[in-house]
Amino acid sequence: MGIELLTTTRSFRRRLDLTRPVERRDLLECLDIAVQAPSGSNRQPWRFLVVQDDETKQRIAEFYRKGFEANLAGRTPRPDQLGDLASSRYLAEHLGEVPALVFVCSLGRLPEPASPPRLASFYGSIYPAVWNFMLALRERGLGSCLTTAHLAYEREVADLLGIPFDEVTQVAMVPVAHLLPGHDGPGRRAPAAEVTLWDRWA
């Protein structure tokens, strides 16, 4: 896994090919890489639920769109965010057409309220697996993005998919599709030197 892969793996939304199926074998191979990620105390809390049924995807998309619109309510995006917003809206409008939706879940639920250390440990033990999965997909010509808008309706989605809500936490949904042709260069990012401090914050 080289530097090019690490620097060109994006959140792909508009470049997802909505017409080409994704093979179960490819998903499982990428998930095998996902589960090599580190986790706190090596507890490996992850579970993955892959949805490819068209009717179920459409119902999930309805919850996703409502969550997406709620996230936007009252927000005024900066001019430099308009492209990303258009891309995100495209995904919200077409989510039900994406060939595979992969729900990443973690066993257990956090108490409310959860302390910062508990939050860090809980999510820090699952998100590395999500990134491993996304990198593995990219290496195979598949695109994805990490989404959370559906979590505004986590219980409803859990009921729809048979996820035991009191025992399992959904942490992300990853739409997966083959990639359409497009630009694959590094993203626009501030250099590390501009966002790195040494020894003290100030």
N, C-alpha and C. Protein backbone atom coordinates (compact mmCIF):
# COMPACT_ATOMS: atom_id res chain seq x y z
N MET A 1 0.86 -1.18 0.00
CA MET A 1 0.00 0.00 0.00
C MET A 1 0.90 1.23 0.00
N GLY A 2 0.92 1.96 -1.11
CA GLY A 2 1.88 3.03 -1.26
C GLY A 2 1.33 4.40 -0.90
N ILE A 3 2.25 5.38 -1.02
CA ILE A 3 1.91 6.77 -0.69
C ILE A 3 0.81 7.28 -1.61
N GLU A 4 0.84 6.88 -2.89
CA GLU A 4 -0.19 7.35 -3.82
C GLU A 4 -1.58 6.94 -3.36
N LEU A 5 -1.72 5.70 -2.91
CA LEU A 5 -3.02 5.24 -2.43
C LEU A 5 -3.46 6.06 -1.21
N LEU A 6 -2.53 6.32 -0.30
CA LEU A 6 -2.86 7.06 0.92
C LEU A 6 -3.24 8.50 0.63
N THR A 7 -2.65 9.09 -0.41
CA THR A 7 -2.89 10.50 -0.69
C THR A 7 -3.99 10.74 -1.71
N THR A 8 -4.51 9.69 -2.33
CA THR A 8 -5.55 9.89 -3.35
C THR A 8 -6.86 9.21 -3.00
N THR A 9 -6.94 8.59 -1.84
CA THR A 9 -8.22 8.01 -1.40
C THR A 9 -9.09 9.13 -0.84
N ARG A 10 -10.15 9.40 -1.54
CA ARG A 10 -11.05 10.51 -1.21
C ARG A 10 -12.37 9.98 -0.68
N SER A 11 -13.23 10.91 -0.28
CA SER A 11 -14.63 10.59 -0.08
C SER A 11 -15.30 10.69 -1.44
N PHE A 12 -15.52 9.55 -2.07
CA PHE A 12 -16.09 9.52 -3.42
C PHE A 12 -17.61 9.50 -3.32
N ARG A 13 -18.25 10.43 -4.01
CA ARG A 13 -19.71 10.50 -4.01
C ARG A 13 -20.24 10.55 -5.45
N ARG A 14 -19.88 11.60 -6.18
CA ARG A 14 -20.39 11.74 -7.55
C ARG A 14 -19.71 10.78 -8.53
N ARG A 15 -18.57 10.23 -8.15
CA ARG A 15 -17.86 9.31 -9.06
C ARG A 15 -18.26 7.86 -8.84
N LEU A 16 -19.21 7.60 -7.98
CA LEU A 16 -19.66 6.23 -7.77
C LEU A 16 -20.49 5.77 -8.97
N ASP A 17 -20.13 4.61 -9.50
CA ASP A 17 -20.87 4.04 -10.62
C ASP A 17 -22.12 3.34 -10.08
N LEU A 18 -23.27 3.93 -10.35
CA LEU A 18 -24.52 3.43 -9.80
C LEU A 18 -25.11 2.28 -10.62
N THR A 19 -24.44 1.92 -11.70
CA THR A 19 -25.01 0.91 -12.61
C THR A 19 -24.30 -0.43 -12.54
N ARG A 20 -23.13 -0.50 -11.95
CA ARG A 20 -22.31 -1.71 -11.99
C ARG A 20 -22.32 -2.41 -10.64
N PRO A 21 -22.74 -3.65 -10.57
CA PRO A 21 -22.79 -4.35 -9.28
C PRO A 21 -21.40 -4.52 -8.65
N VAL A 22 -21.39 -4.61 -7.34
CA VAL A 22 -20.16 -4.90 -6.59
C VAL A 22 -20.24 -6.34 -6.11
N GLU A 23 -19.21 -7.11 -6.40
CA GLU A 23 -19.21 -8.53 -6.05
C GLU A 23 -19.00 -8.74 -4.56
N ARG A 24 -19.70 -9.71 -4.00
CA ARG A 24 -19.56 -10.06 -2.59
C ARG A 24 -18.12 -10.44 -2.27
N ARG A 25 -17.47 -11.15 -3.18
CA ARG A 25 -16.08 -11.56 -2.95
C ARG A 25 -15.18 -10.35 -2.72
N ASP A 26 -15.35 -9.30 -3.54
CA ASP A 26 -14.54 -8.09 -3.39
C ASP A 26 -14.78 -7.43 -2.04
N LEU A 27 -16.03 -7.38 -1.62
CA LEU A 27 -16.35 -6.79 -0.33
C LEU A 27 -15.71 -7.58 0.80
N LEU A 28 -15.80 -8.90 0.74
CA LEU A 28 -15.22 -9.72 1.80
C LEU A 28 -13.70 -9.60 1.85
N GLU A 29 -13.06 -9.52 0.69
CA GLU A 29 -11.61 -9.35 0.67
C GLU A 29 -11.21 -8.02 1.32
N CYS A 30 -11.97 -6.99 1.06
CA CYS A 30 -11.68 -5.69 1.66
C CYS A 30 -11.99 -5.68 3.15
N LEU A 31 -13.03 -6.39 3.55
CA LEU A 31 -13.35 -6.48 4.97
C LEU A 31 -12.30 -7.30 5.72
N ASP A 32 -11.68 -8.27 5.04
CA ASP A 32 -10.58 -9.00 5.66
C ASP A 32 -9.43 -8.06 5.98
N ILE A 33 -9.23 -7.06 5.16
CA ILE A 33 -8.20 -6.05 5.45
C ILE A 33 -8.67 -5.11 6.55
N ALA A 34 -9.96 -4.79 6.54
CA ALA A 34 -10.50 -3.92 7.59
C ALA A 34 -10.25 -4.48 8.98
N VAL A 35 -10.43 -5.78 9.14
CA VAL A 35 -10.34 -6.36 10.49
C VAL A 35 -8.90 -6.56 10.94
N GLN A 36 -7.94 -6.17 10.12
CA GLN A 36 -6.55 -6.16 10.57
C GLN A 36 -6.21 -4.87 11.30
N ALA A 37 -7.15 -3.96 11.40
CA ALA A 37 -6.92 -2.68 12.08
C ALA A 37 -6.71 -2.90 13.58
N PRO A 38 -5.99 -1.99 14.23
CA PRO A 38 -5.83 -2.08 15.68
C PRO A 38 -7.12 -1.69 16.39
N SER A 39 -7.29 -2.20 17.59
CA SER A 39 -8.41 -1.81 18.44
C SER A 39 -7.96 -1.86 19.90
N GLY A 40 -8.62 -1.07 20.74
CA GLY A 40 -8.25 -1.02 22.16
C GLY A 40 -8.29 -2.38 22.81
N SER A 41 -7.20 -2.76 23.48
CA SER A 41 -7.08 -4.06 24.14
C SER A 41 -7.30 -5.22 23.16
N ASN A 42 -7.14 -4.94 21.87
CA ASN A 42 -7.34 -5.94 20.81
C ASN A 42 -8.70 -6.62 20.93
N ARG A 43 -9.73 -5.84 21.30
CA ARG A 43 -11.04 -6.46 21.52
C ARG A 43 -11.82 -6.67 20.23
N GLN A 44 -11.37 -6.06 19.12
CA GLN A 44 -11.99 -6.31 17.81
C GLN A 44 -13.52 -6.22 17.88
N PRO A 45 -14.06 -5.04 18.16
CA PRO A 45 -15.49 -4.93 18.43
C PRO A 45 -16.38 -4.84 17.20
N TRP A 46 -15.79 -4.90 16.03
CA TRP A 46 -16.51 -4.60 14.80
C TRP A 46 -17.45 -5.72 14.34
N ARG A 47 -18.53 -5.26 13.74
CA ARG A 47 -19.42 -6.12 12.97
C ARG A 47 -19.81 -5.32 11.72
N PHE A 48 -20.00 -6.01 10.61
CA PHE A 48 -20.33 -5.36 9.34
C PHE A 48 -21.62 -5.96 8.78
N LEU A 49 -22.49 -5.10 8.32
CA LEU A 49 -23.73 -5.55 7.71
C LEU A 49 -23.80 -4.94 6.32
N VAL A 50 -23.81 -5.78 5.30
CA VAL A 50 -23.81 -5.32 3.91
C VAL A 50 -25.23 -5.41 3.36
N VAL A 51 -25.71 -4.29 2.84
CA VAL A 51 -27.07 -4.24 2.28
C VAL A 51 -26.96 -4.03 0.78
N GLN A 52 -27.52 -4.97 0.02
CA GLN A 52 -27.56 -4.86 -1.43
C GLN A 52 -28.98 -5.01 -1.99
N ASP A 53 -29.93 -5.29 -1.14
CA ASP A 53 -31.32 -5.42 -1.57
C ASP A 53 -31.87 -4.04 -1.94
N ASP A 54 -32.42 -3.91 -3.14
CA ASP A 54 -32.85 -2.61 -3.65
C ASP A 54 -33.91 -1.95 -2.78
N GLU A 55 -34.92 -2.69 -2.39
CA GLU A 55 -35.99 -2.10 -1.59
C GLU A 55 -35.48 -1.62 -0.24
N THR A 56 -34.61 -2.40 0.39
CA THR A 56 -34.06 -2.01 1.68
C THR A 56 -33.19 -0.77 1.54
N LYS A 57 -32.41 -0.70 0.47
CA LYS A 57 -31.56 0.47 0.24
C LYS A 57 -32.42 1.73 0.08
N GLN A 58 -33.53 1.62 -0.60
CA GLN A 58 -34.40 2.79 -0.78
C GLN A 58 -34.96 3.27 0.55
N ARG A 59 -35.30 2.34 1.42
CA ARG A 59 -35.83 2.74 2.73
C ARG A 59 -34.74 3.38 3.58
N ILE A 60 -33.53 2.85 3.50
CA ILE A 60 -32.41 3.46 4.21
C ILE A 60 -32.16 4.87 3.67
N ALA A 61 -32.25 5.02 2.36
CA ALA A 61 -32.01 6.32 1.73
C ALA A 61 -32.99 7.38 2.23
N GLU A 62 -34.20 6.98 2.53
CA GLU A 62 -35.18 7.94 3.05
C GLU A 62 -34.72 8.49 4.40
N PHE A 63 -34.26 7.61 5.28
CA PHE A 63 -33.75 8.07 6.56
C PHE A 63 -32.50 8.93 6.37
N TYR A 64 -31.65 8.52 5.45
CA TYR A 64 -30.41 9.26 5.21
C TYR A 64 -30.72 10.69 4.75
N ARG A 65 -31.66 10.82 3.81
CA ARG A 65 -31.99 12.16 3.30
C ARG A 65 -32.55 13.04 4.40
N LYS A 66 -33.38 12.50 5.25
CA LYS A 66 -33.92 13.30 6.35
C LYS A 66 -32.81 13.74 7.30
N GLY A 67 -31.89 12.83 7.60
CA GLY A 67 -30.76 13.19 8.46
C GLY A 67 -29.86 14.21 7.80
N PHE A 68 -29.64 14.07 6.50
CA PHE A 68 -28.82 15.01 5.76
C PHE A 68 -29.42 16.41 5.79
N GLU A 69 -30.71 16.50 5.52
CA GLU A 69 -31.36 17.82 5.53
C GLU A 69 -31.35 18.43 6.92
N ALA A 70 -31.52 17.62 7.95
CA ALA A 70 -31.46 18.14 9.32
C ALA A 70 -30.08 18.69 9.63
N ASN A 71 -29.04 18.03 9.14
CA ASN A 71 -27.68 18.50 9.37
C ASN A 71 -27.44 19.86 8.73
N LEU A 72 -28.10 20.11 7.61
CA LEU A 72 -27.91 21.37 6.88
C LEU A 72 -28.74 22.51 7.44
N ALA A 73 -29.78 22.19 8.17
CA ALA A 73 -30.71 23.21 8.64
C ALA A 73 -29.98 24.27 9.46
N GLY A 74 -30.17 25.52 9.07
CA GLY A 74 -29.59 26.63 9.81
C GLY A 74 -28.12 26.88 9.54
N ARG A 75 -27.51 26.12 8.63
CA ARG A 75 -26.10 26.29 8.32
C ARG A 75 -25.93 27.10 7.05
N THR A 76 -24.94 27.98 7.04
CA THR A 76 -24.60 28.72 5.84
C THR A 76 -23.20 28.32 5.42
N PRO A 77 -23.07 27.50 4.37
CA PRO A 77 -21.74 27.04 3.98
C PRO A 77 -20.87 28.16 3.45
N ARG A 78 -19.58 28.05 3.69
CA ARG A 78 -18.62 29.00 3.13
C ARG A 78 -18.52 28.76 1.62
N PRO A 79 -18.09 29.77 0.87
CA PRO A 79 -17.96 29.59 -0.58
C PRO A 79 -17.09 28.39 -0.96
N ASP A 80 -16.03 28.13 -0.19
CA ASP A 80 -15.15 27.02 -0.53
C ASP A 80 -15.75 25.66 -0.20
N GLN A 81 -16.91 25.64 0.46
CA GLN A 81 -17.58 24.39 0.81
C GLN A 81 -18.69 24.01 -0.17
N LEU A 82 -18.98 24.87 -1.13
CA LEU A 82 -20.14 24.64 -1.99
C LEU A 82 -19.97 23.39 -2.86
N GLY A 83 -18.74 23.13 -3.34
CA GLY A 83 -18.51 21.94 -4.15
C GLY A 83 -18.75 20.67 -3.35
N ASP A 84 -18.22 20.65 -2.12
CA ASP A 84 -18.43 19.48 -1.27
C ASP A 84 -19.90 19.31 -0.92
N LEU A 85 -20.59 20.42 -0.72
CA LEU A 85 -22.01 20.35 -0.39
C LEU A 85 -22.80 19.76 -1.57
N ALA A 86 -22.47 20.19 -2.78
CA ALA A 86 -23.16 19.66 -3.96
C ALA A 86 -22.90 18.17 -4.11
N SER A 87 -21.66 17.75 -3.82
CA SER A 87 -21.32 16.34 -3.88
C SER A 87 -22.09 15.54 -2.84
N SER A 88 -22.18 16.09 -1.63
CA SER A 88 -22.91 15.41 -0.56
C SER A 88 -24.39 15.32 -0.89
N ARG A 89 -24.94 16.38 -1.47
CA ARG A 89 -26.36 16.35 -1.84
C ARG A 89 -26.62 15.33 -2.94
N TYR A 90 -25.69 15.21 -3.87
CA TYR A 90 -25.83 14.21 -4.93
C TYR A 90 -25.92 12.81 -4.31
N LEU A 91 -25.05 12.53 -3.35
CA LEU A 91 -25.09 11.21 -2.71
C LEU A 91 -26.41 11.00 -1.99
N ALA A 92 -26.88 12.03 -1.28
CA ALA A 92 -28.15 11.90 -0.57
C ALA A 92 -29.30 11.60 -1.53
N GLU A 93 -29.26 12.20 -2.71
CA GLU A 93 -30.33 12.01 -3.68
C GLU A 93 -30.26 10.64 -4.36
N HIS A 94 -29.07 10.04 -4.38
CA HIS A 94 -28.89 8.79 -5.13
C HIS A 94 -28.46 7.62 -4.26
N LEU A 95 -28.51 7.77 -2.95
CA LEU A 95 -28.00 6.73 -2.07
C LEU A 95 -28.64 5.37 -2.33
N GLY A 96 -29.93 5.37 -2.57
CA GLY A 96 -30.63 4.11 -2.79
C GLY A 96 -30.19 3.36 -4.03
N GLU A 97 -29.45 4.04 -4.92
CA GLU A 97 -28.98 3.42 -6.15
C GLU A 97 -27.56 2.86 -6.03
N VAL A 98 -26.87 3.18 -4.93
CA VAL A 98 -25.50 2.71 -4.75
C VAL A 98 -25.52 1.18 -4.61
N PRO A 99 -24.62 0.47 -5.28
CA PRO A 99 -24.68 -1.00 -5.30
C PRO A 99 -24.62 -1.68 -3.93
N ALA A 100 -23.82 -1.13 -3.01
CA ALA A 100 -23.70 -1.76 -1.69
C ALA A 100 -23.58 -0.69 -0.61
N LEU A 101 -24.31 -0.89 0.46
CA LEU A 101 -24.20 -0.04 1.65
C LEU A 101 -23.67 -0.91 2.77
N VAL A 102 -22.52 -0.53 3.31
CA VAL A 102 -21.88 -1.32 4.35
C VAL A 102 -22.02 -0.58 5.68
N PHE A 103 -22.76 -1.19 6.60
CA PHE A 103 -22.93 -0.61 7.93
C PHE A 103 -21.82 -1.14 8.83
N VAL A 104 -21.07 -0.21 9.40
CA VAL A 104 -20.01 -0.57 10.34
C VAL A 104 -20.56 -0.37 11.75
N CYS A 105 -20.52 -1.43 12.53
CA CYS A 105 -21.10 -1.40 13.87
C CYS A 105 -20.05 -1.81 14.90
N SER A 106 -20.27 -1.36 16.13
CA SER A 106 -19.40 -1.74 17.24
C SER A 106 -20.26 -2.40 18.31
N LEU A 107 -19.78 -3.50 18.84
CA LEU A 107 -20.52 -4.18 19.90
C LEU A 107 -20.57 -3.31 21.14
N GLY A 108 -21.74 -3.23 21.75
CA GLY A 108 -21.91 -2.45 22.96
C GLY A 108 -22.46 -1.06 22.67
N ARG A 109 -22.85 -0.38 23.75
CA ARG A 109 -23.30 1.01 23.65
C ARG A 109 -22.66 1.79 24.77
N LEU A 110 -22.36 3.04 24.50
CA LEU A 110 -21.77 3.90 25.51
C LEU A 110 -22.83 4.39 26.48
N PRO A 111 -22.45 4.59 27.75
CA PRO A 111 -23.40 5.20 28.69
C PRO A 111 -23.61 6.66 28.32
N GLU A 112 -24.72 7.21 28.76
CA GLU A 112 -25.00 8.62 28.52
C GLU A 112 -25.04 9.38 29.85
N PRO A 113 -24.23 10.42 30.03
CA PRO A 113 -23.20 10.86 29.08
C PRO A 113 -21.95 10.00 29.20
N ALA A 114 -21.18 9.91 28.13
CA ALA A 114 -19.92 9.17 28.14
C ALA A 114 -18.77 10.14 28.31
N SER A 115 -17.79 9.75 29.09
CA SER A 115 -16.63 10.61 29.32
C SER A 115 -15.76 10.66 28.07
N PRO A 116 -14.96 11.72 27.91
CA PRO A 116 -14.05 11.79 26.75
C PRO A 116 -13.16 10.56 26.61
N PRO A 117 -12.58 10.01 27.69
CA PRO A 117 -11.77 8.80 27.50
C PRO A 117 -12.58 7.62 26.97
N ARG A 118 -13.82 7.46 27.46
CA ARG A 118 -14.65 6.35 26.97
C ARG A 118 -14.99 6.55 25.50
N LEU A 119 -15.32 7.79 25.13
CA LEU A 119 -15.63 8.08 23.73
C LEU A 119 -14.43 7.80 22.83
N ALA A 120 -13.26 8.26 23.27
CA ALA A 120 -12.05 8.07 22.47
C ALA A 120 -11.75 6.59 22.29
N SER A 121 -11.88 5.83 23.36
CA SER A 121 -11.59 4.40 23.27
C SER A 121 -12.61 3.69 22.39
N PHE A 122 -13.87 4.03 22.55
CA PHE A 122 -14.94 3.35 21.81
C PHE A 122 -14.79 3.58 20.30
N TYR A 123 -14.72 4.86 19.90
CA TYR A 123 -14.65 5.16 18.48
C TYR A 123 -13.25 4.93 17.91
N GLY A 124 -12.23 5.10 18.76
CA GLY A 124 -10.87 4.83 18.30
C GLY A 124 -10.61 3.37 18.04
N SER A 125 -11.48 2.50 18.53
CA SER A 125 -11.34 1.06 18.31
C SER A 125 -12.10 0.57 17.08
N ILE A 126 -12.80 1.48 16.39
CA ILE A 126 -13.58 1.06 15.24
C ILE A 126 -13.24 1.84 13.97
N TYR A 127 -12.92 3.14 14.10
CA TYR A 127 -12.68 3.93 12.90
C TYR A 127 -11.43 3.52 12.12
N PRO A 128 -10.36 3.02 12.77
CA PRO A 128 -9.25 2.51 11.95
C PRO A 128 -9.68 1.39 11.00
N ALA A 129 -10.63 0.56 11.41
CA ALA A 129 -11.12 -0.49 10.53
C ALA A 129 -11.88 0.10 9.34
N VAL A 130 -12.59 1.20 9.57
CA VAL A 130 -13.30 1.85 8.46
C VAL A 130 -12.30 2.36 7.43
N TRP A 131 -11.23 2.98 7.91
CA TRP A 131 -10.23 3.53 6.98
C TRP A 131 -9.50 2.41 6.25
N ASN A 132 -9.17 1.33 6.95
CA ASN A 132 -8.57 0.17 6.27
C ASN A 132 -9.48 -0.31 5.14
N PHE A 133 -10.76 -0.40 5.43
CA PHE A 133 -11.75 -0.85 4.44
C PHE A 133 -11.77 0.08 3.23
N MET A 134 -11.78 1.37 3.47
CA MET A 134 -11.83 2.34 2.38
C MET A 134 -10.57 2.28 1.52
N LEU A 135 -9.42 2.11 2.16
CA LEU A 135 -8.17 1.99 1.40
C LEU A 135 -8.15 0.72 0.56
N ALA A 136 -8.62 -0.37 1.14
CA ALA A 136 -8.66 -1.64 0.40
C ALA A 136 -9.60 -1.54 -0.80
N LEU A 137 -10.73 -0.89 -0.63
CA LEU A 137 -11.66 -0.68 -1.73
C LEU A 137 -10.99 0.12 -2.85
N ARG A 138 -10.33 1.20 -2.45
CA ARG A 138 -9.69 2.09 -3.44
C ARG A 138 -8.65 1.34 -4.24
N GLU A 139 -7.91 0.46 -3.60
CA GLU A 139 -6.86 -0.29 -4.28
C GLU A 139 -7.45 -1.21 -5.35
N ARG A 140 -8.72 -1.58 -5.19
CA ARG A 140 -9.39 -2.47 -6.14
C ARG A 140 -10.27 -1.72 -7.15
N GLY A 141 -10.12 -0.40 -7.20
CA GLY A 141 -10.91 0.37 -8.14
C GLY A 141 -12.31 0.66 -7.68
N LEU A 142 -12.56 0.48 -6.39
CA LEU A 142 -13.87 0.77 -5.81
C LEU A 142 -13.79 2.06 -5.00
N GLY A 143 -14.88 2.80 -4.99
CA GLY A 143 -14.91 4.04 -4.24
C GLY A 143 -15.88 3.97 -3.09
N SER A 144 -15.68 4.84 -2.11
CA SER A 144 -16.53 4.84 -0.92
C SER A 144 -16.42 6.19 -0.23
N CYS A 145 -17.21 6.36 0.79
CA CYS A 145 -17.07 7.50 1.69
C CYS A 145 -17.67 7.12 3.03
N LEU A 146 -17.18 7.73 4.08
CA LEU A 146 -17.69 7.47 5.42
C LEU A 146 -18.86 8.42 5.67
N THR A 147 -20.04 7.88 5.92
CA THR A 147 -21.21 8.72 6.16
C THR A 147 -21.82 8.41 7.53
N THR A 148 -22.49 9.41 8.09
CA THR A 148 -23.12 9.24 9.40
C THR A 148 -24.51 9.88 9.46
N ALA A 149 -25.00 10.48 8.37
CA ALA A 149 -26.26 11.22 8.42
C ALA A 149 -27.43 10.34 8.86
N HIS A 150 -27.37 9.05 8.55
CA HIS A 150 -28.48 8.17 8.91
C HIS A 150 -28.59 7.96 10.42
N LEU A 151 -27.52 8.31 11.16
CA LEU A 151 -27.52 8.04 12.60
C LEU A 151 -28.53 8.90 13.37
N ALA A 152 -29.06 9.94 12.72
CA ALA A 152 -30.17 10.66 13.34
C ALA A 152 -31.39 9.75 13.50
N TYR A 153 -31.40 8.68 12.73
CA TYR A 153 -32.47 7.69 12.79
C TYR A 153 -31.89 6.30 13.04
N GLU A 154 -30.91 6.24 13.92
CA GLU A 154 -30.23 4.97 14.17
C GLU A 154 -31.19 3.87 14.62
N ARG A 155 -32.11 4.22 15.52
CA ARG A 155 -33.03 3.19 16.01
C ARG A 155 -33.94 2.68 14.90
N GLU A 156 -34.43 3.58 14.06
CA GLU A 156 -35.30 3.16 12.98
C GLU A 156 -34.56 2.27 11.98
N VAL A 157 -33.32 2.63 11.67
CA VAL A 157 -32.52 1.81 10.76
C VAL A 157 -32.20 0.46 11.41
N ALA A 158 -31.93 0.49 12.72
CA ALA A 158 -31.67 -0.77 13.43
C ALA A 158 -32.89 -1.68 13.34
N ASP A 159 -34.08 -1.13 13.53
CA ASP A 159 -35.29 -1.94 13.43
C ASP A 159 -35.46 -2.51 12.01
N LEU A 160 -35.17 -1.68 11.02
CA LEU A 160 -35.29 -2.11 9.63
C LEU A 160 -34.36 -3.27 9.32
N LEU A 161 -33.14 -3.21 9.86
CA LEU A 161 -32.11 -4.19 9.52
C LEU A 161 -31.97 -5.31 10.55
N GLY A 162 -32.75 -5.26 11.61
CA GLY A 162 -32.66 -6.29 12.63
C GLY A 162 -31.43 -6.18 13.51
N ILE A 163 -30.87 -4.98 13.62
CA ILE A 163 -29.71 -4.75 14.49
C ILE A 163 -30.21 -4.57 15.92
N PRO A 164 -29.70 -5.33 16.89
CA PRO A 164 -30.15 -5.16 18.29
C PRO A 164 -29.66 -3.83 18.86
N PHE A 165 -30.55 -2.85 18.91
CA PHE A 165 -30.17 -1.48 19.22
C PHE A 165 -29.50 -1.34 20.59
N ASP A 166 -29.96 -2.07 21.57
CA ASP A 166 -29.41 -1.92 22.93
C ASP A 166 -28.06 -2.60 23.10
N GLU A 167 -27.64 -3.37 22.11
CA GLU A 167 -26.39 -4.13 22.22
C GLU A 167 -25.34 -3.75 21.19
N VAL A 168 -25.74 -3.03 20.14
CA VAL A 168 -24.84 -2.74 19.03
C VAL A 168 -25.00 -1.28 18.61
N THR A 169 -23.88 -0.60 18.39
CA THR A 169 -23.89 0.80 17.97
C THR A 169 -23.46 0.90 16.52
N GLN A 170 -24.29 1.53 15.71
CA GLN A 170 -23.88 1.85 14.34
C GLN A 170 -22.94 3.06 14.39
N VAL A 171 -21.79 2.95 13.78
CA VAL A 171 -20.84 4.08 13.82
C VAL A 171 -20.66 4.73 12.45
N ALA A 172 -21.00 4.04 11.39
CA ALA A 172 -20.85 4.61 10.05
C ALA A 172 -21.60 3.75 9.05
N MET A 173 -21.92 4.39 7.93
CA MET A 173 -22.41 3.65 6.76
C MET A 173 -21.49 4.02 5.61
N VAL A 174 -21.01 3.01 4.90
CA VAL A 174 -20.04 3.22 3.82
C VAL A 174 -20.67 2.79 2.50
N PRO A 175 -21.11 3.75 1.67
CA PRO A 175 -21.59 3.40 0.33
C PRO A 175 -20.41 2.93 -0.52
N VAL A 176 -20.59 1.86 -1.27
CA VAL A 176 -19.50 1.27 -2.06
C VAL A 176 -19.96 1.06 -3.50
N ALA A 177 -19.10 1.46 -4.44
CA ALA A 177 -19.38 1.26 -5.86
C ALA A 177 -18.06 1.27 -6.63
N HIS A 178 -18.10 0.76 -7.84
CA HIS A 178 -16.96 0.94 -8.73
C HIS A 178 -16.84 2.43 -9.04
N LEU A 179 -15.62 2.85 -9.36
CA LEU A 179 -15.38 4.26 -9.62
C LEU A 179 -15.50 4.59 -11.10
N LEU A 180 -16.15 5.70 -11.37
CA LEU A 180 -16.15 6.26 -12.71
C LEU A 180 -14.82 6.99 -12.93
N PRO A 181 -14.41 7.19 -14.20
CA PRO A 181 -13.16 7.92 -14.45
C PRO A 181 -13.20 9.32 -13.86
N GLY A 182 -12.04 9.80 -13.45
CA GLY A 182 -11.96 11.14 -12.88
C GLY A 182 -10.57 11.43 -12.38
N HIS A 183 -10.41 12.59 -11.77
CA HIS A 183 -9.12 13.04 -11.26
C HIS A 183 -8.76 12.27 -10.01
N ASP A 184 -7.51 11.79 -9.94
CA ASP A 184 -7.08 10.98 -8.81
C ASP A 184 -5.88 11.57 -8.08
N GLY A 185 -5.68 12.85 -8.17
CA GLY A 185 -4.55 13.48 -7.49
C GLY A 185 -4.81 13.68 -6.01
N PRO A 186 -3.78 14.10 -5.28
CA PRO A 186 -3.96 14.40 -3.85
C PRO A 186 -4.97 15.52 -3.65
N GLY A 187 -5.62 15.50 -2.50
CA GLY A 187 -6.60 16.54 -2.18
C GLY A 187 -5.92 17.84 -1.78
N ARG A 188 -6.71 18.90 -1.75
CA ARG A 188 -6.20 20.19 -1.29
C ARG A 188 -6.14 20.17 0.23
N ARG A 189 -4.96 20.26 0.76
CA ARG A 189 -4.77 20.21 2.20
C ARG A 189 -3.73 21.24 2.62
N ALA A 190 -3.87 21.79 3.81
CA ALA A 190 -2.83 22.65 4.36
C ALA A 190 -1.60 21.79 4.66
N PRO A 191 -0.40 22.28 4.38
CA PRO A 191 0.80 21.50 4.71
C PRO A 191 0.86 21.19 6.20
N ALA A 192 1.43 20.05 6.51
CA ALA A 192 1.53 19.64 7.91
C ALA A 192 2.23 20.68 8.76
N ALA A 193 3.21 21.37 8.18
CA ALA A 193 3.96 22.38 8.94
C ALA A 193 3.06 23.50 9.44
N GLU A 194 1.93 23.73 8.75
CA GLU A 194 1.03 24.81 9.15
C GLU A 194 0.06 24.39 10.25
N VAL A 195 -0.05 23.10 10.50
CA VAL A 195 -1.01 22.63 11.50
C VAL A 195 -0.34 21.80 12.59
N THR A 196 0.98 21.91 12.69
CA THR A 196 1.73 21.13 13.66
C THR A 196 2.44 22.05 14.64
N LEU A 197 2.31 21.75 15.94
CA LEU A 197 3.01 22.50 16.98
C LEU A 197 4.00 21.56 17.66
N TRP A 198 4.98 22.13 18.31
CA TRP A 198 6.04 21.34 18.94
C TRP A 198 6.15 21.70 20.42
N ASP A 199 6.05 20.70 21.25
CA ASP A 199 6.27 20.80 22.71
C ASP A 199 5.15 21.52 23.46
N ARG A 200 4.61 22.60 22.93
CA ARG A 200 3.51 23.32 23.59
C ARG A 200 2.54 23.82 22.53
N TRP A 201 1.25 24.01 22.93
CA TRP A 201 0.25 24.51 22.01
C TRP A 201 0.58 25.92 21.57
N ALA A 202 1.07 26.73 22.49
CA ALA A 202 1.39 28.12 22.15
C ALA A 202 2.58 28.57 22.98
